[in-house]
Amino acid sequence: MNVQRNLRLIHAVYRQVARNAATAEGEVPNPRFYKLKEIQKKFQVDDGLPVHLKGGFRDVVLLRLTYLLVFIGLGMSGNTVYKLAFPRR
């Protein structure tokens, strides 16, 4: 019990030291952070598009593929219900 409490305390201290070291230098150690910030800016622009379409052409293709798969699934479900309701003799 005491060991678990000490581990939590050590973890909290480590997180605080790591956080302060990154902010003390004034820069983020990971360069992918800036790329992520640029992507986030693209999603914050008010251009009238819903957020699930702001990724461009790829998002439109994925959305239409999803619609197609949903309609195929609904058709197959309807076919199964019809076969169960009117079995062959």
PDB file of N, CA and C in Angstrom:
ATOM      1  N   MET A   1       0.819  -1.191   0.000  1.00  0.00           N
ATOM      2  CA  MET A   1       0.000   0.000   0.000  1.00  0.00           C
ATOM      3  C   MET A   1       0.865   1.258   0.000  1.00  0.00           C
ATOM      4  N   ASN A   2       1.871   1.244   0.862  1.00  0.00           N
ATOM      5  CA  ASN A   2       2.769   2.373   0.955  1.00  0.00           C
ATOM      6  C   ASN A   2       3.617   2.504  -0.315  1.00  0.00           C
ATOM      7  N   VAL A   3       4.010   1.378  -0.903  1.00  0.00           N
ATOM      8  CA  VAL A   3       4.802   1.389  -2.122  1.00  0.00           C
ATOM      9  C   VAL A   3       3.997   1.994  -3.272  1.00  0.00           C
ATOM     10  N   GLN A   4       2.721   1.652  -3.340  1.00  0.00           N
ATOM     11  CA  GLN A   4       1.869   2.168  -4.404  1.00  0.00           C
ATOM     12  C   GLN A   4       1.721   3.682  -4.281  1.00  0.00           C
ATOM     13  N   ARG A   5       1.580   4.182  -3.076  1.00  0.00           N
ATOM     14  CA  ARG A   5       1.465   5.624  -2.865  1.00  0.00           C
ATOM     15  C   ARG A   5       2.766   6.326  -3.258  1.00  0.00           C
ATOM     16  N   ASN A   6       3.899   5.701  -2.923  1.00  0.00           N
ATOM     17  CA  ASN A   6       5.195   6.283  -3.290  1.00  0.00           C
ATOM     18  C   ASN A   6       5.378   6.309  -4.804  1.00  0.00           C
ATOM     19  N   LEU A   7       4.933   5.256  -5.493  1.00  0.00           N
ATOM     20  CA  LEU A   7       5.037   5.233  -6.949  1.00  0.00           C
ATOM     21  C   LEU A   7       4.194   6.331  -7.587  1.00  0.00           C
ATOM     22  N   ARG A   8       3.014   6.555  -7.051  1.00  0.00           N
ATOM     23  CA  ARG A   8       2.165   7.635  -7.567  1.00  0.00           C
ATOM     24  C   ARG A   8       2.837   8.987  -7.372  1.00  0.00           C
ATOM     25  N   LEU A   9       3.449   9.187  -6.195  1.00  0.00           N
ATOM     26  CA  LEU A   9       4.129  10.440  -5.912  1.00  0.00           C
ATOM     27  C   LEU A   9       5.317  10.636  -6.855  1.00  0.00           C
ATOM     28  N   ILE A  10       6.083   9.588  -7.066  1.00  0.00           N
ATOM     29  CA  ILE A  10       7.236   9.667  -7.979  1.00  0.00           C
ATOM     30  C   ILE A  10       6.762   9.978  -9.392  1.00  0.00           C
ATOM     31  N   HIS A  11       5.689   9.337  -9.813  1.00  0.00           N
ATOM     32  CA  HIS A  11       5.156   9.585 -11.155  1.00  0.00           C
ATOM     33  C   HIS A  11       4.694  11.036 -11.292  1.00  0.00           C
ATOM     34  N   ALA A  12       4.017  11.564 -10.282  1.00  0.00           N
ATOM     35  CA  ALA A  12       3.541  12.946 -10.334  1.00  0.00           C
ATOM     36  C   ALA A  12       4.711  13.920 -10.384  1.00  0.00           C
ATOM     37  N   VAL A  13       5.749  13.661  -9.617  1.00  0.00           N
ATOM     38  CA  VAL A  13       6.920  14.537  -9.618  1.00  0.00           C
ATOM     39  C   VAL A  13       7.613  14.480 -10.976  1.00  0.00           C
ATOM     40  N   TYR A  14       7.748  13.293 -11.534  1.00  0.00           N
ATOM     41  CA  TYR A  14       8.383  13.137 -12.843  1.00  0.00           C
ATOM     42  C   TYR A  14       7.618  13.909 -13.914  1.00  0.00           C
ATOM     43  N   ARG A  15       6.279  13.803 -13.907  1.00  0.00           N
ATOM     44  CA  ARG A  15       5.484  14.518 -14.898  1.00  0.00           C
ATOM     45  C   ARG A  15       5.669  16.021 -14.771  1.00  0.00           C
ATOM     46  N   GLN A  16       5.720  16.532 -13.532  1.00  0.00           N
ATOM     47  CA  GLN A  16       5.876  17.960 -13.309  1.00  0.00           C
ATOM     48  C   GLN A  16       7.246  18.437 -13.785  1.00  0.00           C
ATOM     49  N   VAL A  17       8.280  17.665 -13.512  1.00  0.00           N
ATOM     50  CA  VAL A  17       9.624  18.047 -13.941  1.00  0.00           C
ATOM     51  C   VAL A  17       9.715  18.029 -15.463  1.00  0.00           C
ATOM     52  N   ALA A  18       9.158  17.006 -16.089  1.00  0.00           N
ATOM     53  CA  ALA A  18       9.204  16.917 -17.546  1.00  0.00           C
ATOM     54  C   ALA A  18       8.431  18.057 -18.186  1.00  0.00           C
ATOM     55  N   ARG A  19       7.307  18.406 -17.619  1.00  0.00           N
ATOM     56  CA  ARG A  19       6.497  19.493 -18.165  1.00  0.00           C
ATOM     57  C   ARG A  19       7.229  20.826 -18.017  1.00  0.00           C
ATOM     58  N   ASN A  20       7.840  21.060 -16.864  1.00  0.00           N
ATOM     59  CA  ASN A  20       8.541  22.319 -16.643  1.00  0.00           C
ATOM     60  C   ASN A  20       9.786  22.424 -17.517  1.00  0.00           C
ATOM     61  N   ALA A  21      10.464  21.327 -17.787  1.00  0.00           N
ATOM     62  CA  ALA A  21      11.656  21.368 -18.629  1.00  0.00           C
ATOM     63  C   ALA A  21      11.293  21.768 -20.054  1.00  0.00           C
ATOM     64  N   ALA A  22      10.188  21.285 -20.564  1.00  0.00           N
ATOM     65  CA  ALA A  22       9.782  21.615 -21.929  1.00  0.00           C
ATOM     66  C   ALA A  22       9.356  23.073 -22.037  1.00  0.00           C
ATOM     67  N   THR A  23       8.644  23.581 -21.039  1.00  0.00           N
ATOM     68  CA  THR A  23       8.174  24.962 -21.115  1.00  0.00           C
ATOM     69  C   THR A  23       9.257  25.952 -20.728  1.00  0.00           C
ATOM     70  N   ALA A  24      10.244  25.527 -19.949  1.00  0.00           N
ATOM     71  CA  ALA A  24      11.306  26.440 -19.548  1.00  0.00           C
ATOM     72  C   ALA A  24      12.161  26.835 -20.746  1.00  0.00           C
ATOM     73  N   GLU A  25      12.382  25.916 -21.662  1.00  0.00           N
ATOM     74  CA  GLU A  25      13.180  26.222 -22.840  1.00  0.00           C
ATOM     75  C   GLU A  25      12.403  27.058 -23.851  1.00  0.00           C
ATOM     76  N   GLY A  26      11.081  27.034 -23.791  1.00  0.00           N
ATOM     77  CA  GLY A  26      10.274  27.824 -24.698  1.00  0.00           C
ATOM     78  C   GLY A  26      10.006  27.150 -26.027  1.00  0.00           C
ATOM     79  N   GLU A  27      10.405  25.922 -26.166  1.00  0.00           N
ATOM     80  CA  GLU A  27      10.150  25.220 -27.415  1.00  0.00           C
ATOM     81  C   GLU A  27       9.696  23.801 -27.111  1.00  0.00           C
ATOM     82  N   VAL A  28       9.007  23.234 -28.056  1.00  0.00           N
ATOM     83  CA  VAL A  28       8.502  21.886 -27.903  1.00  0.00           C
ATOM     84  C   VAL A  28       9.551  20.934 -28.469  1.00  0.00           C
ATOM     85  N   PRO A  29       9.896  19.873 -27.729  1.00  0.00           N
ATOM     86  CA  PRO A  29      10.959  18.998 -28.208  1.00  0.00           C
ATOM     87  C   PRO A  29      10.608  18.191 -29.458  1.00  0.00           C
ATOM     88  N   ASN A  30       9.351  18.008 -29.744  1.00  0.00           N
ATOM     89  CA  ASN A  30       8.938  17.188 -30.878  1.00  0.00           C
ATOM     90  C   ASN A  30       8.580  18.076 -32.068  1.00  0.00           C
ATOM     91  N   PRO A  31       9.284  17.963 -33.200  1.00  0.00           N
ATOM     92  CA  PRO A  31       8.970  18.823 -34.350  1.00  0.00           C
ATOM     93  C   PRO A  31       7.630  18.505 -34.994  1.00  0.00           C
ATOM     94  N   ARG A  32       7.077  17.313 -34.760  1.00  0.00           N
ATOM     95  CA  ARG A  32       5.762  16.990 -35.336  1.00  0.00           C
ATOM     96  C   ARG A  32       4.658  17.819 -34.687  1.00  0.00           C
ATOM     97  N   PHE A  33       4.954  18.431 -33.537  1.00  0.00           N
ATOM     98  CA  PHE A  33       3.979  19.276 -32.856  1.00  0.00           C
ATOM     99  C   PHE A  33       3.531  20.416 -33.758  1.00  0.00           C
ATOM    100  N   TYR A  34       4.468  21.021 -34.479  1.00  0.00           N
ATOM    101  CA  TYR A  34       4.121  22.153 -35.335  1.00  0.00           C
ATOM    102  C   TYR A  34       3.288  21.717 -36.532  1.00  0.00           C
ATOM    103  N   LYS A  35       3.557  20.543 -37.048  1.00  0.00           N
ATOM    104  CA  LYS A  35       2.751  20.010 -38.147  1.00  0.00           C
ATOM    105  C   LYS A  35       1.321  19.765 -37.664  1.00  0.00           C
ATOM    106  N   LEU A  36       1.183  19.244 -36.453  1.00  0.00           N
ATOM    107  CA  LEU A  36      -0.143  19.016 -35.877  1.00  0.00           C
ATOM    108  C   LEU A  36      -0.880  20.335 -35.694  1.00  0.00           C
ATOM    109  N   LYS A  37      -0.186  21.371 -35.271  1.00  0.00           N
ATOM    110  CA  LYS A  37      -0.819  22.674 -35.082  1.00  0.00           C
ATOM    111  C   LYS A  37      -1.322  23.245 -36.415  1.00  0.00           C
ATOM    112  N   GLU A  38      -0.577  23.024 -37.502  1.00  0.00           N
ATOM    113  CA  GLU A  38      -1.028  23.477 -38.820  1.00  0.00           C
ATOM    114  C   GLU A  38      -2.295  22.743 -39.248  1.00  0.00           C
ATOM    115  N   ILE A  39      -2.340  21.442 -38.984  1.00  0.00           N
ATOM    116  CA  ILE A  39      -3.536  20.662 -39.323  1.00  0.00           C
ATOM    117  C   ILE A  39      -4.723  21.148 -38.504  1.00  0.00           C
ATOM    118  N   GLN A  40      -4.504  21.447 -37.232  1.00  0.00           N
ATOM    119  CA  GLN A  40      -5.591  21.943 -36.384  1.00  0.00           C
ATOM    120  C   GLN A  40      -6.104  23.288 -36.884  1.00  0.00           C
ATOM    121  N   LYS A  41      -5.214  24.147 -37.374  1.00  0.00           N
ATOM    122  CA  LYS A  41      -5.650  25.435 -37.918  1.00  0.00           C
ATOM    123  C   LYS A  41      -6.565  25.234 -39.117  1.00  0.00           C
ATOM    124  N   LYS A  42      -6.253  24.233 -39.944  1.00  0.00           N
ATOM    125  CA  LYS A  42      -7.081  23.961 -41.124  1.00  0.00           C
ATOM    126  C   LYS A  42      -8.496  23.578 -40.705  1.00  0.00           C
ATOM    127  N   PHE A  43      -8.622  22.852 -39.607  1.00  0.00           N
ATOM    128  CA  PHE A  43      -9.938  22.429 -39.157  1.00  0.00           C
ATOM    129  C   PHE A  43     -10.698  23.544 -38.440  1.00  0.00           C
ATOM    130  N   GLN A  44     -10.018  24.587 -38.007  1.00  0.00           N
ATOM    131  CA  GLN A  44     -10.670  25.689 -37.305  1.00  0.00           C
ATOM    132  C   GLN A  44     -11.221  26.760 -38.246  1.00  0.00           C
ATOM    133  N   VAL A  45     -10.846  26.724 -39.520  1.00  0.00           N
ATOM    134  CA  VAL A  45     -11.312  27.725 -40.481  1.00  0.00           C
ATOM    135  C   VAL A  45     -12.810  27.562 -40.697  1.00  0.00           C
ATOM    136  N   ASP A  46     -13.536  28.702 -40.663  1.00  0.00           N
ATOM    137  CA  ASP A  46     -14.987  28.662 -40.854  1.00  0.00           C
ATOM    138  C   ASP A  46     -15.283  28.816 -42.345  1.00  0.00           C
ATOM    139  N   ASP A  47     -15.316  27.675 -43.063  1.00  0.00           N
ATOM    140  CA  ASP A  47     -15.571  27.707 -44.497  1.00  0.00           C
ATOM    141  C   ASP A  47     -16.900  27.061 -44.865  1.00  0.00           C
ATOM    142  N   GLY A  48     -17.727  26.770 -43.888  1.00  0.00           N
ATOM    143  CA  GLY A  48     -19.042  26.211 -44.158  1.00  0.00           C
ATOM    144  C   GLY A  48     -19.067  24.707 -44.314  1.00  0.00           C
ATOM    145  N   LEU A  49     -17.916  24.058 -44.321  1.00  0.00           N
ATOM    146  CA  LEU A  49     -17.865  22.598 -44.438  1.00  0.00           C
ATOM    147  C   LEU A  49     -17.972  21.954 -43.063  1.00  0.00           C
ATOM    148  N   PRO A  50     -18.662  20.825 -42.976  1.00  0.00           N
ATOM    149  CA  PRO A  50     -18.649  20.100 -41.714  1.00  0.00           C
ATOM    150  C   PRO A  50     -17.258  19.518 -41.458  1.00  0.00           C
ATOM    151  N   VAL A  51     -16.959  19.259 -40.214  1.00  0.00           N
ATOM    152  CA  VAL A  51     -15.604  18.857 -39.849  1.00  0.00           C
ATOM    153  C   VAL A  51     -15.209  17.522 -40.486  1.00  0.00           C
ATOM    154  N   HIS A  52     -16.176  16.665 -40.766  1.00  0.00           N
ATOM    155  CA  HIS A  52     -15.830  15.367 -41.344  1.00  0.00           C
ATOM    156  C   HIS A  52     -15.525  15.452 -42.843  1.00  0.00           C
ATOM    157  N   LEU A  53     -15.644  16.640 -43.435  1.00  0.00           N
ATOM    158  CA  LEU A  53     -15.301  16.811 -44.843  1.00  0.00           C
ATOM    159  C   LEU A  53     -14.138  17.784 -45.064  1.00  0.00           C
ATOM    160  N   LYS A  54     -13.556  18.298 -43.992  1.00  0.00           N
ATOM    161  CA  LYS A  54     -12.486  19.287 -44.130  1.00  0.00           C
ATOM    162  C   LYS A  54     -11.159  18.680 -44.553  1.00  0.00           C
ATOM    163  N   GLY A  55     -11.059  17.365 -44.591  1.00  0.00           N
ATOM    164  CA  GLY A  55      -9.820  16.722 -45.000  1.00  0.00           C
ATOM    165  C   GLY A  55      -9.627  16.709 -46.502  1.00  0.00           C
ATOM    166  N   GLY A  56     -10.647  17.098 -47.261  1.00  0.00           N
ATOM    167  CA  GLY A  56     -10.513  17.172 -48.712  1.00  0.00           C
ATOM    168  C   GLY A  56     -11.157  15.987 -49.416  1.00  0.00           C
ATOM    169  N   PHE A  57     -10.604  15.681 -50.587  1.00  0.00           N
ATOM    170  CA  PHE A  57     -11.171  14.661 -51.465  1.00  0.00           C
ATOM    171  C   PHE A  57     -11.202  13.286 -50.799  1.00  0.00           C
ATOM    172  N   ARG A  58     -10.163  12.973 -50.035  1.00  0.00           N
ATOM    173  CA  ARG A  58     -10.105  11.670 -49.373  1.00  0.00           C
ATOM    174  C   ARG A  58     -11.275  11.475 -48.401  1.00  0.00           C
ATOM    175  N   ASP A  59     -11.646  12.540 -47.686  1.00  0.00           N
ATOM    176  CA  ASP A  59     -12.780  12.436 -46.768  1.00  0.00           C
ATOM    177  C   ASP A  59     -14.094  12.241 -47.512  1.00  0.00           C
ATOM    178  N   VAL A  60     -14.231  12.890 -48.661  1.00  0.00           N
ATOM    179  CA  VAL A  60     -15.455  12.731 -49.457  1.00  0.00           C
ATOM    180  C   VAL A  60     -15.567  11.290 -49.962  1.00  0.00           C
ATOM    181  N   VAL A  61     -14.453  10.731 -50.419  1.00  0.00           N
ATOM    182  CA  VAL A  61     -14.460   9.345 -50.908  1.00  0.00           C
ATOM    183  C   VAL A  61     -14.807   8.390 -49.769  1.00  0.00           C
ATOM    184  N   LEU A  62     -14.218   8.589 -48.599  1.00  0.00           N
ATOM    185  CA  LEU A  62     -14.512   7.722 -47.458  1.00  0.00           C
ATOM    186  C   LEU A  62     -15.968   7.832 -47.022  1.00  0.00           C
ATOM    187  N   LEU A  63     -16.521   9.048 -47.066  1.00  0.00           N
ATOM    188  CA  LEU A  63     -17.924   9.234 -46.688  1.00  0.00           C
ATOM    189  C   LEU A  63     -18.849   8.501 -47.662  1.00  0.00           C
ATOM    190  N   ARG A  64     -18.584   8.641 -48.948  1.00  0.00           N
ATOM    191  CA  ARG A  64     -19.444   7.978 -49.937  1.00  0.00           C
ATOM    192  C   ARG A  64     -19.282   6.467 -49.896  1.00  0.00           C
ATOM    193  N   LEU A  65     -18.083   5.980 -49.619  1.00  0.00           N
ATOM    194  CA  LEU A  65     -17.877   4.543 -49.451  1.00  0.00           C
ATOM    195  C   LEU A  65     -18.646   4.032 -48.232  1.00  0.00           C
ATOM    196  N   THR A  66     -18.662   4.821 -47.175  1.00  0.00           N
ATOM    197  CA  THR A  66     -19.428   4.443 -45.992  1.00  0.00           C
ATOM    198  C   THR A  66     -20.915   4.379 -46.306  1.00  0.00           C
ATOM    199  N   TYR A  67     -21.432   5.390 -47.028  1.00  0.00           N
ATOM    200  CA  TYR A  67     -22.833   5.359 -47.428  1.00  0.00           C
ATOM    201  C   TYR A  67     -23.150   4.116 -48.252  1.00  0.00           C
ATOM    202  N   LEU A  68     -22.269   3.798 -49.198  1.00  0.00           N
ATOM    203  CA  LEU A  68     -22.482   2.636 -50.052  1.00  0.00           C
ATOM    204  C   LEU A  68     -22.542   1.352 -49.218  1.00  0.00           C
ATOM    205  N   LEU A  69     -21.605   1.194 -48.296  1.00  0.00           N
ATOM    206  CA  LEU A  69     -21.592  -0.004 -47.463  1.00  0.00           C
ATOM    207  C   LEU A  69     -22.825  -0.087 -46.568  1.00  0.00           C
ATOM    208  N   VAL A  70     -23.293   1.048 -46.068  1.00  0.00           N
ATOM    209  CA  VAL A  70     -24.505   1.055 -45.241  1.00  0.00           C
ATOM    210  C   VAL A  70     -25.713   0.623 -46.069  1.00  0.00           C
ATOM    211  N   PHE A  71     -25.848   1.163 -47.274  1.00  0.00           N
ATOM    212  CA  PHE A  71     -26.993   0.791 -48.106  1.00  0.00           C
ATOM    213  C   PHE A  71     -26.932  -0.678 -48.537  1.00  0.00           C
ATOM    214  N   ILE A  72     -25.735  -1.180 -48.824  1.00  0.00           N
ATOM    215  CA  ILE A  72     -25.602  -2.603 -49.146  1.00  0.00           C
ATOM    216  C   ILE A  72     -25.999  -3.455 -47.950  1.00  0.00           C
ATOM    217  N   GLY A  73     -25.554  -3.063 -46.774  1.00  0.00           N
ATOM    218  CA  GLY A  73     -25.913  -3.797 -45.557  1.00  0.00           C
ATOM    219  C   GLY A  73     -27.407  -3.763 -45.286  1.00  0.00           C
ATOM    220  N   LEU A  74     -28.028  -2.615 -45.504  1.00  0.00           N
ATOM    221  CA  LEU A  74     -29.480  -2.524 -45.318  1.00  0.00           C
ATOM    222  C   LEU A  74     -30.224  -3.400 -46.326  1.00  0.00           C
ATOM    223  N   GLY A  75     -29.754  -3.394 -47.571  1.00  0.00           N
ATOM    224  CA  GLY A  75     -30.384  -4.244 -48.587  1.00  0.00           C
ATOM    225  C   GLY A  75     -30.252  -5.716 -48.248  1.00  0.00           C
ATOM    226  N   MET A  76     -29.068  -6.116 -47.800  1.00  0.00           N
ATOM    227  CA  MET A  76     -28.875  -7.518 -47.428  1.00  0.00           C
ATOM    228  C   MET A  76     -29.719  -7.893 -46.209  1.00  0.00           C
ATOM    229  N   SER A  77     -29.867  -6.957 -45.271  1.00  0.00           N
ATOM    230  CA  SER A  77     -30.716  -7.219 -44.107  1.00  0.00           C
ATOM    231  C   SER A  77     -32.168  -7.377 -44.523  1.00  0.00           C
ATOM    232  N   GLY A  78     -32.620  -6.505 -45.433  1.00  0.00           N
ATOM    233  CA  GLY A  78     -33.986  -6.620 -45.938  1.00  0.00           C
ATOM    234  C   GLY A  78     -34.208  -7.927 -46.676  1.00  0.00           C
ATOM    235  N   ASN A  79     -33.221  -8.351 -47.453  1.00  0.00           N
ATOM    236  CA  ASN A  79     -33.309  -9.611 -48.165  1.00  0.00           C
ATOM    237  C   ASN A  79     -33.419 -10.784 -47.182  1.00  0.00           C
ATOM    238  N   THR A  80     -32.629 -10.745 -46.124  1.00  0.00           N
ATOM    239  CA  THR A  80     -32.678 -11.815 -45.114  1.00  0.00           C
ATOM    240  C   THR A  80     -34.035 -11.862 -44.424  1.00  0.00           C
ATOM    241  N   VAL A  81     -34.567 -10.695 -44.077  1.00  0.00           N
ATOM    242  CA  VAL A  81     -35.887 -10.661 -43.433  1.00  0.00           C
ATOM    243  C   VAL A  81     -36.948 -11.198 -44.389  1.00  0.00           C
ATOM    244  N   TYR A  82     -36.866 -10.844 -45.664  1.00  0.00           N
ATOM    245  CA  TYR A  82     -37.830 -11.335 -46.647  1.00  0.00           C
ATOM    246  C   TYR A  82     -37.743 -12.854 -46.775  1.00  0.00           C
ATOM    247  N   LYS A  83     -36.514 -13.387 -46.837  1.00  0.00           N
ATOM    248  CA  LYS A  83     -36.352 -14.842 -46.949  1.00  0.00           C
ATOM    249  C   LYS A  83     -36.883 -15.559 -45.714  1.00  0.00           C
ATOM    250  N   LEU A  84     -36.718 -14.967 -44.554  1.00  0.00           N
ATOM    251  CA  LEU A  84     -37.233 -15.599 -43.337  1.00  0.00           C
ATOM    252  C   LEU A  84     -38.748 -15.488 -43.239  1.00  0.00           C
ATOM    253  N   ALA A  85     -39.301 -14.397 -43.769  1.00  0.00           N
ATOM    254  CA  ALA A  85     -40.763 -14.211 -43.702  1.00  0.00           C
ATOM    255  C   ALA A  85     -41.485 -15.082 -44.717  1.00  0.00           C
ATOM    256  N   PHE A  86     -40.883 -15.279 -45.890  1.00  0.00           N
ATOM    257  CA  PHE A  86     -41.511 -16.092 -46.952  1.00  0.00           C
ATOM    258  C   PHE A  86     -40.538 -17.188 -47.385  1.00  0.00           C
ATOM    259  N   PRO A  87     -40.434 -18.260 -46.619  1.00  0.00           N
ATOM    260  CA  PRO A  87     -39.470 -19.329 -46.979  1.00  0.00           C
ATOM    261  C   PRO A  87     -39.924 -20.074 -48.227  1.00  0.00           C
ATOM    262  N   ARG A  88     -38.957 -20.711 -48.893  1.00  0.00           N
ATOM    263  CA  ARG A  88     -39.275 -21.528 -50.065  1.00  0.00           C
ATOM    264  C   ARG A  88     -39.976 -22.805 -49.604  1.00  0.00           C
ATOM    265  N   ARG A  89     -40.811 -23.342 -50.458  1.00  0.00           N
ATOM    266  CA  ARG A  89     -41.552 -24.572 -50.074  1.00  0.00           C
ATOM    267  C   ARG A  89     -40.883 -25.786 -50.543  1.00  0.00           C
TER     268      ARG A  89
END
